[in-house]
């Protein structure tokens, strides 16, 4: 099944400036922990070879702070990170080596490659923090979180899976709220209602802090896939 978001990109890949250390990390971990755009099949085979009861997806992880924290808090889960910006990937790989983490794999490409692949393991948790709000009306169609995207998540997650979104743009928050209203696969909840094991206290990233500095309100969404 093809989804509208496949033909309309919600992101634009950027390389950014890289230090010599970051370049070395990209070379060292290429096709081991880090898989570039176009290497989805290698990424797929690596994921399938890993034995993990739980798979978490961190979509658009930026510099990797939440990805790293997830891996530390849930060492028994395989954390799959999706990030198009190479500088963010490189920054994350440096931290992975420093901390000796073994439960993270990164794909520098479209998460739809994974979600539309029916031969891949179903995930049990999804995190999307501060994805591009595309604030101009003419760009709303580029927003990642849309009703078809929620439907795709529902098809590719285990029953009872948790999704957690956060944004600092109120217009985007209103849009996400309307998306949940239009679907019937997920049930919204709150952090306080989550079981202790699901209460991931995410760190404040530089993107969130930028929004806070601008006076933006942070809105969080927690929802469970119906069993």
Protein backbone atom coordinates (compact mmCIF):
# COMPACT_ATOMS: atom_id res chain seq x y z
CA UNK A 1 0.00 0.00 0.00
CA UNK A 2 1.34 3.44 -0.92
CA UNK A 3 0.62 6.34 1.40
CA UNK A 4 0.42 10.05 0.47
CA UNK A 5 3.42 10.81 2.68
CA UNK A 6 5.61 8.63 0.48
CA UNK A 7 5.32 11.06 -2.45
CA UNK A 8 5.50 14.23 -0.34
CA UNK A 9 8.65 14.43 1.77
CA UNK A 10 8.25 15.61 5.37
CA UNK A 11 12.00 16.25 5.59
CA UNK A 12 14.99 17.41 3.57
CA UNK A 13 18.35 15.72 4.12
CA UNK A 14 21.23 17.97 5.10
CA UNK A 15 24.85 17.04 5.76
CA UNK A 16 25.99 19.97 7.91
CA UNK A 17 29.55 20.44 9.14
CA UNK A 18 31.32 17.35 10.48
CA UNK A 19 34.37 17.12 12.75
CA UNK A 20 37.15 14.66 11.97
CA UNK A 21 35.94 12.51 14.88
CA UNK A 22 32.40 12.45 13.49
CA UNK A 23 33.68 11.52 10.02
CA UNK A 24 35.68 8.68 11.59
CA UNK A 25 32.59 7.43 13.42
CA UNK A 26 30.57 7.39 10.21
CA UNK A 27 33.30 5.36 8.52
CA UNK A 28 33.81 3.01 11.48
CA UNK A 29 30.13 2.24 11.99
CA UNK A 30 28.97 2.25 8.35
CA UNK A 31 26.78 -0.83 7.76
CA UNK A 32 27.36 -1.94 11.35
CA UNK A 33 25.34 0.51 13.44
CA UNK A 34 24.73 3.19 10.83
CA UNK A 35 23.10 2.61 7.44
CA UNK A 36 22.99 5.37 4.85
CA UNK A 37 20.12 6.25 2.55
CA UNK A 38 20.00 3.56 -0.12
CA UNK A 39 21.30 0.84 2.21
CA UNK A 40 17.90 -0.17 3.54
CA UNK A 41 18.35 -3.85 2.67
CA UNK A 42 21.53 -4.04 4.76
CA UNK A 43 19.76 -2.24 7.59
CA UNK A 44 16.85 -4.67 7.29
CA UNK A 45 19.03 -7.77 7.45
CA UNK A 46 20.91 -6.41 10.46
CA UNK A 47 17.64 -5.73 12.30
CA UNK A 48 16.29 -9.18 11.47
CA UNK A 49 19.46 -10.82 12.81
CA UNK A 50 19.13 -9.10 16.18
CA UNK A 51 17.12 -10.95 18.82
CA UNK A 52 15.05 -8.44 20.77
CA UNK A 53 11.65 -8.88 22.37
CA UNK A 54 10.94 -5.16 22.06
CA UNK A 55 11.69 -2.74 19.25
CA UNK A 56 11.39 1.01 19.76
CA UNK A 57 11.41 3.57 16.95
CA UNK A 58 12.79 7.07 17.45
CA UNK A 59 11.84 9.03 14.33
CA UNK A 60 13.76 12.21 13.58
CA UNK A 61 16.07 11.95 16.60
CA UNK A 62 18.13 15.07 15.85
CA UNK A 63 21.46 14.91 17.66
CA UNK A 64 20.47 11.65 19.36
CA UNK A 65 19.95 12.74 22.96
CA UNK A 66 16.57 11.01 23.28
CA UNK A 67 17.81 8.00 21.32
CA UNK A 68 20.75 7.57 23.70
CA UNK A 69 18.54 8.04 26.78
CA UNK A 70 16.04 5.48 25.49
CA UNK A 71 18.82 2.93 24.97
CA UNK A 72 20.08 3.50 28.51
CA UNK A 73 16.66 3.31 30.15
CA UNK A 74 15.54 0.26 28.14
CA UNK A 75 18.68 -1.90 27.65
CA UNK A 76 16.59 -4.95 26.73
CA UNK A 77 14.98 -3.16 23.78
CA UNK A 78 16.42 -2.68 20.29
CA UNK A 79 16.26 1.04 19.55
CA UNK A 80 15.95 1.95 15.87
CA UNK A 81 16.72 5.56 15.07
CA UNK A 82 15.67 7.32 11.86
CA UNK A 83 17.30 10.66 11.04
CA UNK A 84 17.95 12.20 7.60
CA UNK A 85 20.55 14.75 8.75
CA UNK A 86 24.05 13.27 8.66
CA UNK A 87 25.45 15.66 11.27
CA UNK A 88 22.90 14.41 13.81
CA UNK A 89 23.73 10.81 12.99
CA UNK A 90 27.46 11.45 13.40
CA UNK A 91 26.95 13.23 16.74
CA UNK A 92 24.90 10.28 17.98
CA UNK A 93 27.50 7.72 16.90
CA UNK A 94 30.17 9.50 18.93
CA UNK A 95 28.00 9.17 22.06
CA UNK A 96 27.20 5.54 21.29
CA UNK A 97 30.91 4.71 21.26
CA UNK A 98 31.65 6.78 24.38
CA UNK A 99 28.90 4.99 26.35
CA UNK A 100 29.48 1.53 24.86
CA UNK A 101 25.83 1.10 23.86
CA UNK A 102 24.96 -2.05 21.91
CA UNK A 103 21.20 -1.73 21.40
CA UNK A 104 20.99 1.06 18.81
CA UNK A 105 20.81 0.85 15.01
CA UNK A 106 20.48 3.97 12.86
CA UNK A 107 19.01 4.40 9.38
CA UNK A 108 19.71 7.71 7.67
CA UNK A 109 16.66 7.44 5.48
CA UNK A 110 12.89 7.36 5.32
CA UNK A 111 11.11 5.57 8.18
CA UNK A 112 8.44 4.61 5.64
CA UNK A 113 10.91 2.09 4.22
CA UNK A 114 10.65 0.26 7.53
CA UNK A 115 6.96 0.81 8.19
CA UNK A 116 5.84 -0.29 4.73
CA UNK A 117 7.98 -3.46 4.85
CA UNK A 118 5.63 -6.24 5.93
CA UNK A 119 8.54 -8.64 6.44
CA UNK A 120 10.04 -6.52 9.23
CA UNK A 121 9.38 -7.01 12.93
CA UNK A 122 6.52 -5.01 14.36
CA UNK A 123 7.60 -2.34 16.83
CA UNK A 124 6.17 -1.81 20.32
CA UNK A 125 6.89 1.87 20.84
CA UNK A 126 7.30 5.02 18.72
CA UNK A 127 8.79 8.39 19.68
CA UNK A 128 8.50 11.48 17.48
CA UNK A 129 9.76 14.65 19.11
CA UNK A 130 9.64 18.10 17.53
CA UNK A 131 9.30 17.00 13.93
CA UNK A 132 9.24 19.83 11.41
CA UNK A 133 5.93 21.70 11.95
CA UNK A 134 5.96 23.12 8.41
CA UNK A 135 4.21 26.25 9.74
CA UNK A 136 3.16 27.73 6.39
CA UNK A 137 -0.33 26.68 5.31
CA UNK A 138 0.85 25.64 1.86
CA UNK A 139 3.28 23.20 3.53
CA UNK A 140 0.83 21.50 5.92
CA UNK A 141 0.72 18.45 3.64
CA UNK A 142 4.42 17.89 4.41
CA UNK A 143 3.84 17.32 8.11
CA UNK A 144 4.85 13.83 9.17
CA UNK A 145 1.93 13.20 11.50
CA UNK A 146 -1.16 12.76 9.36
CA UNK A 147 -4.15 10.40 9.57
CA UNK A 148 -2.67 7.99 6.96
CA UNK A 149 0.58 7.92 8.95
CA UNK A 150 -1.29 7.00 12.14
CA UNK A 151 -3.07 4.27 10.20
CA UNK A 152 0.26 2.93 8.97
CA UNK A 153 1.63 2.93 12.53
CA UNK A 154 -1.43 1.00 13.69
CA UNK A 155 -0.72 -1.67 11.07
CA UNK A 156 2.97 -1.97 11.93
CA UNK A 157 2.88 -1.91 15.74
CA UNK A 158 2.15 -4.63 18.26
CA UNK A 159 -1.26 -4.40 19.98
CA UNK A 160 -1.01 -2.21 23.05
CA UNK A 161 2.01 -0.31 21.69
CA UNK A 162 2.67 3.22 22.93
CA UNK A 163 3.29 6.25 20.74
CA UNK A 164 4.63 9.51 22.16
CA UNK A 165 4.71 12.77 20.20
CA UNK A 166 5.83 16.23 21.29
CA UNK A 167 5.73 19.61 19.55
CA UNK A 168 6.28 23.23 20.50
CA UNK A 169 4.08 24.62 17.71
CA UNK A 170 0.46 25.10 18.80
CA UNK A 171 -0.87 24.97 15.26
CA UNK A 172 0.84 21.62 14.76
CA UNK A 173 -0.51 20.43 18.11
CA UNK A 174 -4.03 21.33 16.97
CA UNK A 175 -3.41 19.47 13.73
CA UNK A 176 -2.21 16.36 15.61
CA UNK A 177 -5.25 16.53 17.89
CA UNK A 178 -7.54 16.58 14.85
CA UNK A 179 -5.69 13.59 13.40
CA UNK A 180 -6.38 11.57 16.56
CA UNK A 181 -10.04 12.59 16.42
CA UNK A 182 -10.30 11.30 12.85
CA UNK A 183 -8.88 7.85 13.61
CA UNK A 184 -10.02 5.01 15.88
CA UNK A 185 -6.89 2.85 16.24
CA UNK A 186 -5.25 4.73 19.12
CA UNK A 187 -6.54 5.86 22.51
CA UNK A 188 -5.05 9.03 23.96
CA UNK A 189 -3.84 9.02 27.55
CA UNK A 190 -1.57 11.11 29.80
CA UNK A 191 1.87 10.63 31.32
CA UNK A 192 0.35 10.23 34.79
CA UNK A 193 -1.84 7.36 33.57
CA UNK A 194 1.05 5.42 32.06
CA UNK A 195 2.39 2.35 33.87
CA UNK A 196 5.76 3.01 35.52
CA UNK A 197 7.59 0.96 32.88
CA UNK A 198 6.24 3.21 30.13
CA UNK A 199 7.04 6.51 31.82
CA UNK A 200 10.01 7.64 29.76
CA UNK A 201 11.14 11.04 30.99
CA UNK A 202 12.67 12.42 27.86
CA UNK A 203 15.58 14.86 28.13
CA UNK A 204 15.19 18.45 26.94
CA UNK A 205 16.83 18.68 23.51
CA UNK A 206 18.28 21.79 21.94
CA UNK A 207 15.27 21.94 19.60
CA UNK A 208 12.87 21.94 22.52
CA UNK A 209 14.96 24.49 24.40
CA UNK A 210 14.92 26.73 21.36
CA UNK A 211 11.12 26.61 21.38
CA UNK A 212 10.99 27.30 25.11
CA UNK A 213 13.30 30.30 24.64
CA UNK A 214 10.89 31.62 22.01
CA UNK A 215 8.01 31.31 24.47
CA UNK A 216 6.41 28.30 22.77
CA UNK A 217 4.19 25.89 24.72
CA UNK A 218 5.24 22.24 24.69
CA UNK A 219 2.38 19.84 23.91
CA UNK A 220 2.76 16.09 24.45
CA UNK A 221 0.65 13.27 23.06
CA UNK A 222 0.59 9.74 24.55
CA UNK A 223 -1.57 7.09 22.92
CA UNK A 224 -1.91 3.32 23.04
CA UNK A 225 -2.78 1.13 20.08
CA UNK A 226 -6.01 -0.71 20.84
CA UNK A 227 -5.53 -4.41 21.54
